């Protein structure tokens, strides 16, 4: 026979079970909502990343001189098919700075789909061509860097260096990088060719054939005076003349062209 105590216990048990059941239902409901929200976010993310919205909208490259814009983007493995959200700036920077001709790269990735790249290239003073026709860029430390065929159009904008030994190439680089008076890019680009030249008083001089047809004779130590070349041109009344750098007077003067 059920006692009052049994009935009360049974009632409490049923009430407790109903409470647990409600909690479980609420827990299942919250879990279902979280699953739906997660699924929606996942679907939206997948849709976004496979759509054109996630692709790069604008690509900017500045600071490049030897490499053209397309070459820099190729090194960075960037194109207008790139998903910019999946391409962090530090990774692009790392890929660019692995290239031996890129000294430094600054990369900005914006959420409007713009990637801006600013590069600082290694200084190139000129190039040489060996007997096999292979071209090498001469860097600021005098070292050589092999130039690929597709880069020949870029390297010809630098002076062609002929007939200098490796030792003299290093000396030339040091002279151009002279801390007191380094050659500016503006004047470096005016030189078409650099050759060795010897005189009775100095067997270790240089002959510089300029883009304008003029020829300059200088010692290695006097190369810094090339930064005043445009001032000299303003005083010349003719073209295709010969000039000599005089270190003693810190000047560039006209001279009779060697026969």
C-alpha atoms as a PDB file:
ATOM      1  CA  UNK A   1       0.000   0.000   0.000  1.00  0.00           C
ATOM      2  CA  UNK A   2       1.381   3.387  -1.070  1.00  0.00           C
ATOM      3  CA  UNK A   3       2.063   5.703   1.732  1.00  0.00           C
ATOM      4  CA  UNK A   4       1.855   9.482   1.556  1.00  0.00           C
ATOM      5  CA  UNK A   5       5.655   9.566   1.640  1.00  0.00           C
ATOM      6  CA  UNK A   6       5.861   7.339  -1.467  1.00  0.00           C
ATOM      7  CA  UNK A   7       3.406   9.551  -3.322  1.00  0.00           C
ATOM      8  CA  UNK A   8       5.386  12.669  -2.406  1.00  0.00           C
ATOM      9  CA  UNK A   9       8.673  11.067  -3.543  1.00  0.00           C
ATOM     10  CA  UNK A  10       7.108   9.978  -6.817  1.00  0.00           C
ATOM     11  CA  UNK A  11       5.747  13.473  -7.402  1.00  0.00           C
ATOM     12  CA  UNK A  12       9.168  15.009  -6.695  1.00  0.00           C
ATOM     13  CA  UNK A  13      10.809  12.512  -9.067  1.00  0.00           C
ATOM     14  CA  UNK A  14       8.376  13.333 -11.867  1.00  0.00           C
ATOM     15  CA  UNK A  15       8.893  17.057 -11.325  1.00  0.00           C
ATOM     16  CA  UNK A  16      12.659  16.560 -11.388  1.00  0.00           C
ATOM     17  CA  UNK A  17      12.442  14.533 -14.592  1.00  0.00           C
ATOM     18  CA  UNK A  18      10.303  17.222 -16.225  1.00  0.00           C
ATOM     19  CA  UNK A  19      12.912  19.822 -15.198  1.00  0.00           C
ATOM     20  CA  UNK A  20      15.741  17.744 -16.631  1.00  0.00           C
ATOM     21  CA  UNK A  21      13.744  17.196 -19.791  1.00  0.00           C
ATOM     22  CA  UNK A  22      13.248  20.948 -20.259  1.00  0.00           C
ATOM     23  CA  UNK A  23      16.964  21.595 -19.697  1.00  0.00           C
ATOM     24  CA  UNK A  24      17.898  18.948 -22.215  1.00  0.00           C
ATOM     25  CA  UNK A  25      15.468  20.391 -24.753  1.00  0.00           C
ATOM     26  CA  UNK A  26      16.885  23.906 -24.208  1.00  0.00           C
ATOM     27  CA  UNK A  27      20.408  22.514 -24.486  1.00  0.00           C
ATOM     28  CA  UNK A  28      19.553  20.712 -27.724  1.00  0.00           C
ATOM     29  CA  UNK A  29      17.873  23.855 -29.057  1.00  0.00           C
ATOM     30  CA  UNK A  30      20.934  26.002 -28.293  1.00  0.00           C
ATOM     31  CA  UNK A  31      23.184  23.378 -29.873  1.00  0.00           C
ATOM     32  CA  UNK A  32      20.999  23.340 -32.974  1.00  0.00           C
ATOM     33  CA  UNK A  33      21.092  27.141 -33.203  1.00  0.00           C
ATOM     34  CA  UNK A  34      24.887  27.145 -32.888  1.00  0.00           C
ATOM     35  CA  UNK A  35      25.122  24.510 -35.602  1.00  0.00           C
ATOM     36  CA  UNK A  36      22.871  26.526 -37.910  1.00  0.00           C
ATOM     37  CA  UNK A  37      24.854  29.726 -37.277  1.00  0.00           C
ATOM     38  CA  UNK A  38      28.166  27.921 -37.828  1.00  0.00           C
ATOM     39  CA  UNK A  39      26.835  26.348 -41.045  1.00  0.00           C
ATOM     40  CA  UNK A  40      25.663  29.736 -42.325  1.00  0.00           C
ATOM     41  CA  UNK A  41      29.028  31.343 -41.534  1.00  0.00           C
ATOM     42  CA  UNK A  42      30.839  28.454 -43.202  1.00  0.00           C
ATOM     43  CA  UNK A  43      28.628  28.627 -46.292  1.00  0.00           C
ATOM     44  CA  UNK A  44      29.053  32.404 -46.481  1.00  0.00           C
ATOM     45  CA  UNK A  45      32.832  32.053 -46.107  1.00  0.00           C
ATOM     46  CA  UNK A  46      33.065  29.401 -48.809  1.00  0.00           C
ATOM     47  CA  UNK A  47      30.859  31.441 -51.129  1.00  0.00           C
ATOM     48  CA  UNK A  48      32.930  34.566 -50.473  1.00  0.00           C
ATOM     49  CA  UNK A  49      36.297  32.934 -51.080  1.00  0.00           C
ATOM     50  CA  UNK A  50      35.228  31.245 -54.325  1.00  0.00           C
ATOM     51  CA  UNK A  51      33.599  34.404 -55.625  1.00  0.00           C
ATOM     52  CA  UNK A  52      35.227  37.388 -57.340  1.00  0.00           C
ATOM     53  CA  UNK A  53      34.663  39.480 -54.214  1.00  0.00           C
ATOM     54  CA  UNK A  54      37.682  37.863 -52.574  1.00  0.00           C
ATOM     55  CA  UNK A  55      40.012  38.542 -55.501  1.00  0.00           C
ATOM     56  CA  UNK A  56      42.552  41.366 -55.628  1.00  0.00           C
ATOM     57  CA  UNK A  57      41.093  44.548 -57.074  1.00  0.00           C
ATOM     58  CA  UNK A  58      44.220  46.685 -57.413  1.00  0.00           C
ATOM     59  CA  UNK A  59      47.954  45.970 -57.460  1.00  0.00           C
ATOM     60  CA  UNK A  60      50.528  48.740 -57.076  1.00  0.00           C
ATOM     61  CA  UNK A  61      54.323  48.453 -57.345  1.00  0.00           C
ATOM     62  CA  UNK A  62      56.707  51.337 -56.696  1.00  0.00           C
ATOM     63  CA  UNK A  63      60.462  51.745 -56.254  1.00  0.00           C
ATOM     64  CA  UNK A  64      61.375  49.243 -58.974  1.00  0.00           C
ATOM     65  CA  UNK A  65      63.944  50.185 -61.602  1.00  0.00           C
ATOM     66  CA  UNK A  66      65.504  46.997 -62.925  1.00  0.00           C
ATOM     67  CA  UNK A  67      62.426  44.811 -62.549  1.00  0.00           C
ATOM     68  CA  UNK A  68      59.256  45.914 -64.293  1.00  0.00           C
ATOM     69  CA  UNK A  69      55.920  45.739 -62.469  1.00  0.00           C
ATOM     70  CA  UNK A  70      54.947  42.373 -63.926  1.00  0.00           C
ATOM     71  CA  UNK A  71      58.265  40.835 -62.855  1.00  0.00           C
ATOM     72  CA  UNK A  72      57.820  42.036 -59.265  1.00  0.00           C
ATOM     73  CA  UNK A  73      54.284  40.616 -59.189  1.00  0.00           C
ATOM     74  CA  UNK A  74      55.556  37.345 -60.640  1.00  0.00           C
ATOM     75  CA  UNK A  75      58.220  37.075 -57.906  1.00  0.00           C
ATOM     76  CA  UNK A  76      55.509  37.729 -55.307  1.00  0.00           C
ATOM     77  CA  UNK A  77      53.200  35.254 -57.077  1.00  0.00           C
ATOM     78  CA  UNK A  78      50.425  37.848 -57.246  1.00  0.00           C
ATOM     79  CA  UNK A  79      47.764  38.424 -59.874  1.00  0.00           C
ATOM     80  CA  UNK A  80      44.176  39.586 -60.118  1.00  0.00           C
ATOM     81  CA  UNK A  81      43.160  35.966 -59.444  1.00  0.00           C
ATOM     82  CA  UNK A  82      44.811  36.083 -55.994  1.00  0.00           C
ATOM     83  CA  UNK A  83      42.565  35.869 -52.919  1.00  0.00           C
ATOM     84  CA  UNK A  84      43.987  38.741 -50.893  1.00  0.00           C
ATOM     85  CA  UNK A  85      42.526  37.550 -47.564  1.00  0.00           C
ATOM     86  CA  UNK A  86      44.551  34.352 -47.918  1.00  0.00           C
ATOM     87  CA  UNK A  87      47.767  36.195 -48.828  1.00  0.00           C
ATOM     88  CA  UNK A  88      49.198  38.028 -45.786  1.00  0.00           C
ATOM     89  CA  UNK A  89      51.606  40.889 -46.324  1.00  0.00           C
ATOM     90  CA  UNK A  90      54.460  39.263 -44.381  1.00  0.00           C
ATOM     91  CA  UNK A  91      54.361  36.262 -46.722  1.00  0.00           C
ATOM     92  CA  UNK A  92      54.529  38.479 -49.830  1.00  0.00           C
ATOM     93  CA  UNK A  93      57.416  40.409 -48.243  1.00  0.00           C
ATOM     94  CA  UNK A  94      59.269  37.165 -47.488  1.00  0.00           C
ATOM     95  CA  UNK A  95      58.953  35.964 -51.085  1.00  0.00           C
ATOM     96  CA  UNK A  96      60.151  39.276 -52.519  1.00  0.00           C
ATOM     97  CA  UNK A  97      63.142  39.625 -50.214  1.00  0.00           C
ATOM     98  CA  UNK A  98      64.339  36.133 -51.141  1.00  0.00           C
ATOM     99  CA  UNK A  99      65.178  37.538 -54.581  1.00  0.00           C
ATOM    100  CA  UNK A 100      68.878  38.523 -54.774  1.00  0.00           C
ATOM    101  CA  UNK A 101      68.091  41.814 -56.532  1.00  0.00           C
ATOM    102  CA  UNK A 102      65.477  42.993 -54.011  1.00  0.00           C
ATOM    103  CA  UNK A 103      67.040  44.438 -50.886  1.00  0.00           C
ATOM    104  CA  UNK A 104      63.832  45.324 -49.071  1.00  0.00           C
ATOM    105  CA  UNK A 105      60.068  45.154 -49.622  1.00  0.00           C
ATOM    106  CA  UNK A 106      57.199  46.875 -47.821  1.00  0.00           C
ATOM    107  CA  UNK A 107      53.772  45.366 -48.423  1.00  0.00           C
ATOM    108  CA  UNK A 108      50.323  46.685 -47.491  1.00  0.00           C
ATOM    109  CA  UNK A 109      47.249  44.491 -47.919  1.00  0.00           C
ATOM    110  CA  UNK A 110      43.973  46.390 -47.556  1.00  0.00           C
ATOM    111  CA  UNK A 111      40.548  44.852 -47.068  1.00  0.00           C
ATOM    112  CA  UNK A 112      39.220  46.770 -50.067  1.00  0.00           C
ATOM    113  CA  UNK A 113      41.207  44.367 -52.263  1.00  0.00           C
ATOM    114  CA  UNK A 114      44.280  46.580 -52.773  1.00  0.00           C
ATOM    115  CA  UNK A 115      47.841  45.304 -52.400  1.00  0.00           C
ATOM    116  CA  UNK A 116      50.580  47.951 -52.499  1.00  0.00           C
ATOM    117  CA  UNK A 117      54.234  46.941 -52.806  1.00  0.00           C
ATOM    118  CA  UNK A 118      57.244  49.197 -52.412  1.00  0.00           C
ATOM    119  CA  UNK A 119      60.598  47.650 -53.221  1.00  0.00           C
ATOM    120  CA  UNK A 120      64.187  48.758 -52.733  1.00  0.00           C
ATOM    121  CA  UNK A 121      66.352  47.025 -55.310  1.00  0.00           C
ATOM    122  CA  UNK A 122      70.022  46.241 -54.965  1.00  0.00           C
ATOM    123  CA  UNK A 123      72.154  48.903 -56.640  1.00  0.00           C
ATOM    124  CA  UNK A 124      73.257  47.907 -60.128  1.00  0.00           C
ATOM    125  CA  UNK A 125      76.180  49.797 -61.716  1.00  0.00           C
ATOM    126  CA  UNK A 126      76.229  48.119 -65.071  1.00  0.00           C
ATOM    127  CA  UNK A 127      76.473  44.789 -66.789  1.00  0.00           C
ATOM    128  CA  UNK A 128      79.017  42.632 -68.572  1.00  0.00           C
ATOM    129  CA  UNK A 129      78.601  40.089 -71.362  1.00  0.00           C
ATOM    130  CA  UNK A 130      80.935  37.107 -71.445  1.00  0.00           C
ATOM    131  CA  UNK A 131      82.259  35.310 -74.529  1.00  0.00           C
ATOM    132  CA  UNK A 132      79.253  32.976 -74.537  1.00  0.00           C
ATOM    133  CA  UNK A 133      76.854  35.901 -74.727  1.00  0.00           C
ATOM    134  CA  UNK A 134      75.663  35.487 -71.131  1.00  0.00           C
ATOM    135  CA  UNK A 135      74.961  38.787 -69.323  1.00  0.00           C
ATOM    136  CA  UNK A 136      75.685  39.550 -65.661  1.00  0.00           C
ATOM    137  CA  UNK A 137      74.572  42.550 -63.602  1.00  0.00           C
ATOM    138  CA  UNK A 138      77.303  44.159 -61.502  1.00  0.00           C
ATOM    139  CA  UNK A 139      76.070  44.922 -57.982  1.00  0.00           C
ATOM    140  CA  UNK A 140      77.260  47.506 -55.461  1.00  0.00           C
ATOM    141  CA  UNK A 141      79.835  45.141 -53.960  1.00  0.00           C
ATOM    142  CA  UNK A 142      81.261  44.282 -57.384  1.00  0.00           C
ATOM    143  CA  UNK A 143      79.633  40.846 -57.410  1.00  0.00           C
ATOM    144  CA  UNK A 144      77.986  39.462 -60.536  1.00  0.00           C
ATOM    145  CA  UNK A 145      74.382  38.361 -60.853  1.00  0.00           C
ATOM    146  CA  UNK A 146      73.343  36.326 -63.866  1.00  0.00           C
ATOM    147  CA  UNK A 147      70.712  37.957 -66.070  1.00  0.00           C
ATOM    148  CA  UNK A 148      68.051  35.850 -67.766  1.00  0.00           C
ATOM    149  CA  UNK A 149      67.202  36.364 -71.442  1.00  0.00           C
ATOM    150  CA  UNK A 150      63.838  37.944 -70.617  1.00  0.00           C
ATOM    151  CA  UNK A 151      65.634  40.550 -68.460  1.00  0.00           C
ATOM    152  CA  UNK A 152      67.987  41.791 -71.163  1.00  0.00           C
ATOM    153  CA  UNK A 153      65.663  44.656 -72.096  1.00  0.00           C
ATOM    154  CA  UNK A 154      65.962  45.973 -68.534  1.00  0.00           C
ATOM    155  CA  UNK A 155      69.719  45.579 -68.126  1.00  0.00           C
ATOM    156  CA  UNK A 156      70.573  47.495 -71.320  1.00  0.00           C
ATOM    157  CA  UNK A 157      69.449  50.675 -69.561  1.00  0.00           C
ATOM    158  CA  UNK A 158      72.610  50.362 -67.443  1.00  0.00           C
ATOM    159  CA  UNK A 159      76.195  50.911 -68.662  1.00  0.00           C
ATOM    160  CA  UNK A 160      77.857  48.061 -70.539  1.00  0.00           C
ATOM    161  CA  UNK A 161      81.199  47.348 -68.850  1.00  0.00           C
ATOM    162  CA  UNK A 162      83.922  45.908 -71.051  1.00  0.00           C
ATOM    163  CA  UNK A 163      87.467  44.683 -70.419  1.00  0.00           C
ATOM    164  CA  UNK A 164      87.637  45.099 -66.629  1.00  0.00           C
ATOM    165  CA  UNK A 165      89.008  42.395 -64.350  1.00  0.00           C
ATOM    166  CA  UNK A 166      87.057  41.196 -61.326  1.00  0.00           C
ATOM    167  CA  UNK A 167      89.358  43.271 -59.148  1.00  0.00           C
ATOM    168  CA  UNK A 168      88.660  46.402 -61.175  1.00  0.00           C
ATOM    169  CA  UNK A 169      84.915  45.684 -61.176  1.00  0.00           C
ATOM    170  CA  UNK A 170      85.041  45.765 -57.378  1.00  0.00           C
ATOM    171  CA  UNK A 171      87.081  48.973 -57.504  1.00  0.00           C
ATOM    172  CA  UNK A 172      84.551  50.500 -59.920  1.00  0.00           C
ATOM    173  CA  UNK A 173      81.664  49.592 -57.604  1.00  0.00           C
ATOM    174  CA  UNK A 174      83.455  51.151 -54.620  1.00  0.00           C
ATOM    175  CA  UNK A 175      84.140  54.314 -56.633  1.00  0.00           C
ATOM    176  CA  UNK A 176      80.479  54.639 -57.609  1.00  0.00           C
ATOM    177  CA  UNK A 177      79.445  54.057 -53.981  1.00  0.00           C
ATOM    178  CA  UNK A 178      81.930  56.580 -52.578  1.00  0.00           C
ATOM    179  CA  UNK A 179      80.376  57.671 -49.280  1.00  0.00           C
ATOM    180  CA  UNK A 180      81.403  61.307 -49.811  1.00  0.00           C
ATOM    181  CA  UNK A 181      80.040  61.623 -53.327  1.00  0.00           C
ATOM    182  CA  UNK A 182      78.157  58.547 -54.612  1.00  0.00           C
ATOM    183  CA  UNK A 183      77.056  58.605 -58.256  1.00  0.00           C
ATOM    184  CA  UNK A 184      73.379  59.462 -58.563  1.00  0.00           C
ATOM    185  CA  UNK A 185      71.140  57.184 -60.643  1.00  0.00           C
ATOM    186  CA  UNK A 186      70.392  60.100 -62.941  1.00  0.00           C
ATOM    187  CA  UNK A 187      74.025  60.303 -64.079  1.00  0.00           C
ATOM    188  CA  UNK A 188      74.630  56.582 -64.045  1.00  0.00           C
ATOM    189  CA  UNK A 189      71.832  56.181 -66.593  1.00  0.00           C
ATOM    190  CA  UNK A 190      73.602  58.684 -68.894  1.00  0.00           C
ATOM    191  CA  UNK A 191      76.537  56.296 -69.364  1.00  0.00           C
ATOM    192  CA  UNK A 192      76.339  53.932 -72.315  1.00  0.00           C
ATOM    193  CA  UNK A 193      79.615  52.034 -71.889  1.00  0.00           C
ATOM    194  CA  UNK A 194      82.598  51.868 -69.538  1.00  0.00           C
ATOM    195  CA  UNK A 195      86.003  50.656 -70.789  1.00  0.00           C
ATOM    196  CA  UNK A 196      89.552  50.572 -69.416  1.00  0.00           C
ATOM    197  CA  UNK A 197      91.869  53.286 -70.686  1.00  0.00           C
ATOM    198  CA  UNK A 198      95.590  53.859 -70.232  1.00  0.00           C
ATOM    199  CA  UNK A 199      97.726  56.984 -70.593  1.00  0.00           C
ATOM    200  CA  UNK A 200     101.414  57.636 -70.126  1.00  0.00           C
ATOM    201  CA  UNK A 201     100.735  59.115 -66.683  1.00  0.00           C
ATOM    202  CA  UNK A 202      98.002  56.697 -65.549  1.00  0.00           C
ATOM    203  CA  UNK A 203      97.629  53.163 -66.871  1.00  0.00           C
ATOM    204  CA  UNK A 204      94.506  52.516 -64.821  1.00  0.00           C
ATOM    205  CA  UNK A 205      91.935  55.012 -66.104  1.00  0.00           C
ATOM    206  CA  UNK A 206      88.426  54.619 -67.493  1.00  0.00           C
ATOM    207  CA  UNK A 207      86.766  55.689 -70.723  1.00  0.00           C
ATOM    208  CA  UNK A 208      83.057  56.448 -70.338  1.00  0.00           C
ATOM    209  CA  UNK A 209      80.996  56.651 -73.525  1.00  0.00           C
ATOM    210  CA  UNK A 210      77.914  58.715 -72.758  1.00  0.00           C
ATOM    211  CA  UNK A 211      74.428  58.295 -74.210  1.00  0.00           C
ATOM    212  CA  UNK A 212      74.700  61.730 -75.851  1.00  0.00           C
ATOM    213  CA  UNK A 213      77.872  60.772 -77.761  1.00  0.00           C
ATOM    214  CA  UNK A 214      80.356  62.553 -75.522  1.00  0.00           C
ATOM    215  CA  UNK A 215      83.333  60.617 -74.094  1.00  0.00           C
ATOM    216  CA  UNK A 216      84.722  61.163 -70.597  1.00  0.00           C
ATOM    217  CA  UNK A 217      88.144  60.037 -69.350  1.00  0.00           C
ATOM    218  CA  UNK A 218      88.535  59.621 -65.605  1.00  0.00           C
ATOM    219  CA  UNK A 219      90.454  57.841 -62.917  1.00  0.00           C
ATOM    220  CA  UNK A 220      88.484  55.653 -60.513  1.00  0.00           C
ATOM    221  CA  UNK A 221      88.877  58.277 -57.798  1.00  0.00           C
ATOM    222  CA  UNK A 222      87.474  61.019 -60.038  1.00  0.00           C
ATOM    223  CA  UNK A 223      84.190  59.322 -60.892  1.00  0.00           C
ATOM    224  CA  UNK A 224      82.301  61.276 -58.214  1.00  0.00           C
ATOM    225  CA  UNK A 225      82.607  64.398 -60.401  1.00  0.00           C
ATOM    226  CA  UNK A 226      80.136  62.833 -62.838  1.00  0.00           C
ATOM    227  CA  UNK A 227      77.431  64.263 -60.598  1.00  0.00           C
ATOM    228  CA  UNK A 228      78.273  67.638 -62.181  1.00  0.00           C
ATOM    229  CA  UNK A 229      77.998  66.407 -65.754  1.00  0.00           C
ATOM    230  CA  UNK A 230      74.823  68.337 -66.588  1.00  0.00           C
ATOM    231  CA  UNK A 231      76.489  71.553 -65.441  1.00  0.00           C
ATOM    232  CA  UNK A 232      79.341  70.831 -67.855  1.00  0.00           C
ATOM    233  CA  UNK A 233      76.877  70.212 -70.686  1.00  0.00           C
ATOM    234  CA  UNK A 234      75.363  73.666 -70.177  1.00  0.00           C
ATOM    235  CA  UNK A 235      78.764  75.231 -71.007  1.00  0.00           C
ATOM    236  CA  UNK A 236      79.450  73.079 -74.080  1.00  0.00           C
ATOM    237  CA  UNK A 237      78.673  74.553 -77.473  1.00  0.00           C
ATOM    238  CA  UNK A 238      79.048  71.264 -79.343  1.00  0.00           C
ATOM    239  CA  UNK A 239      78.279  67.577 -79.084  1.00  0.00           C
ATOM    240  CA  UNK A 240      80.379  64.416 -79.445  1.00  0.00           C
ATOM    241  CA  UNK A 241      83.280  66.004 -77.589  1.00  0.00           C
ATOM    242  CA  UNK A 242      85.883  64.487 -75.296  1.00  0.00           C
ATOM    243  CA  UNK A 243      86.123  65.475 -71.651  1.00  0.00           C
ATOM    244  CA  UNK A 244      88.625  64.674 -68.931  1.00  0.00           C
ATOM    245  CA  UNK A 245      88.109  64.665 -65.169  1.00  0.00           C
ATOM    246  CA  UNK A 246      90.790  66.662 -63.385  1.00  0.00           C
ATOM    247  CA  UNK A 247      90.895  65.717 -59.730  1.00  0.00           C
ATOM    248  CA  UNK A 248      93.516  68.363 -58.921  1.00  0.00           C
ATOM    249  CA  UNK A 249      91.135  71.179 -59.909  1.00  0.00           C
ATOM    250  CA  UNK A 250      87.937  69.269 -59.080  1.00  0.00           C
ATOM    251  CA  UNK A 251      86.612  69.885 -62.605  1.00  0.00           C
ATOM    252  CA  UNK A 252      85.676  68.357 -65.956  1.00  0.00           C
ATOM    253  CA  UNK A 253      87.223  70.077 -68.956  1.00  0.00           C
ATOM    254  CA  UNK A 254      87.246  69.596 -72.714  1.00  0.00           C
ATOM    255  CA  UNK A 255      90.224  67.806 -74.215  1.00  0.00           C
ATOM    256  CA  UNK A 256      91.408  66.741 -77.625  1.00  0.00           C
ATOM    257  CA  UNK A 257      89.961  63.380 -78.542  1.00  0.00           C
ATOM    258  CA  UNK A 258      92.571  60.605 -78.885  1.00  0.00           C
ATOM    259  CA  UNK A 259      93.104  59.470 -82.423  1.00  0.00           C
END
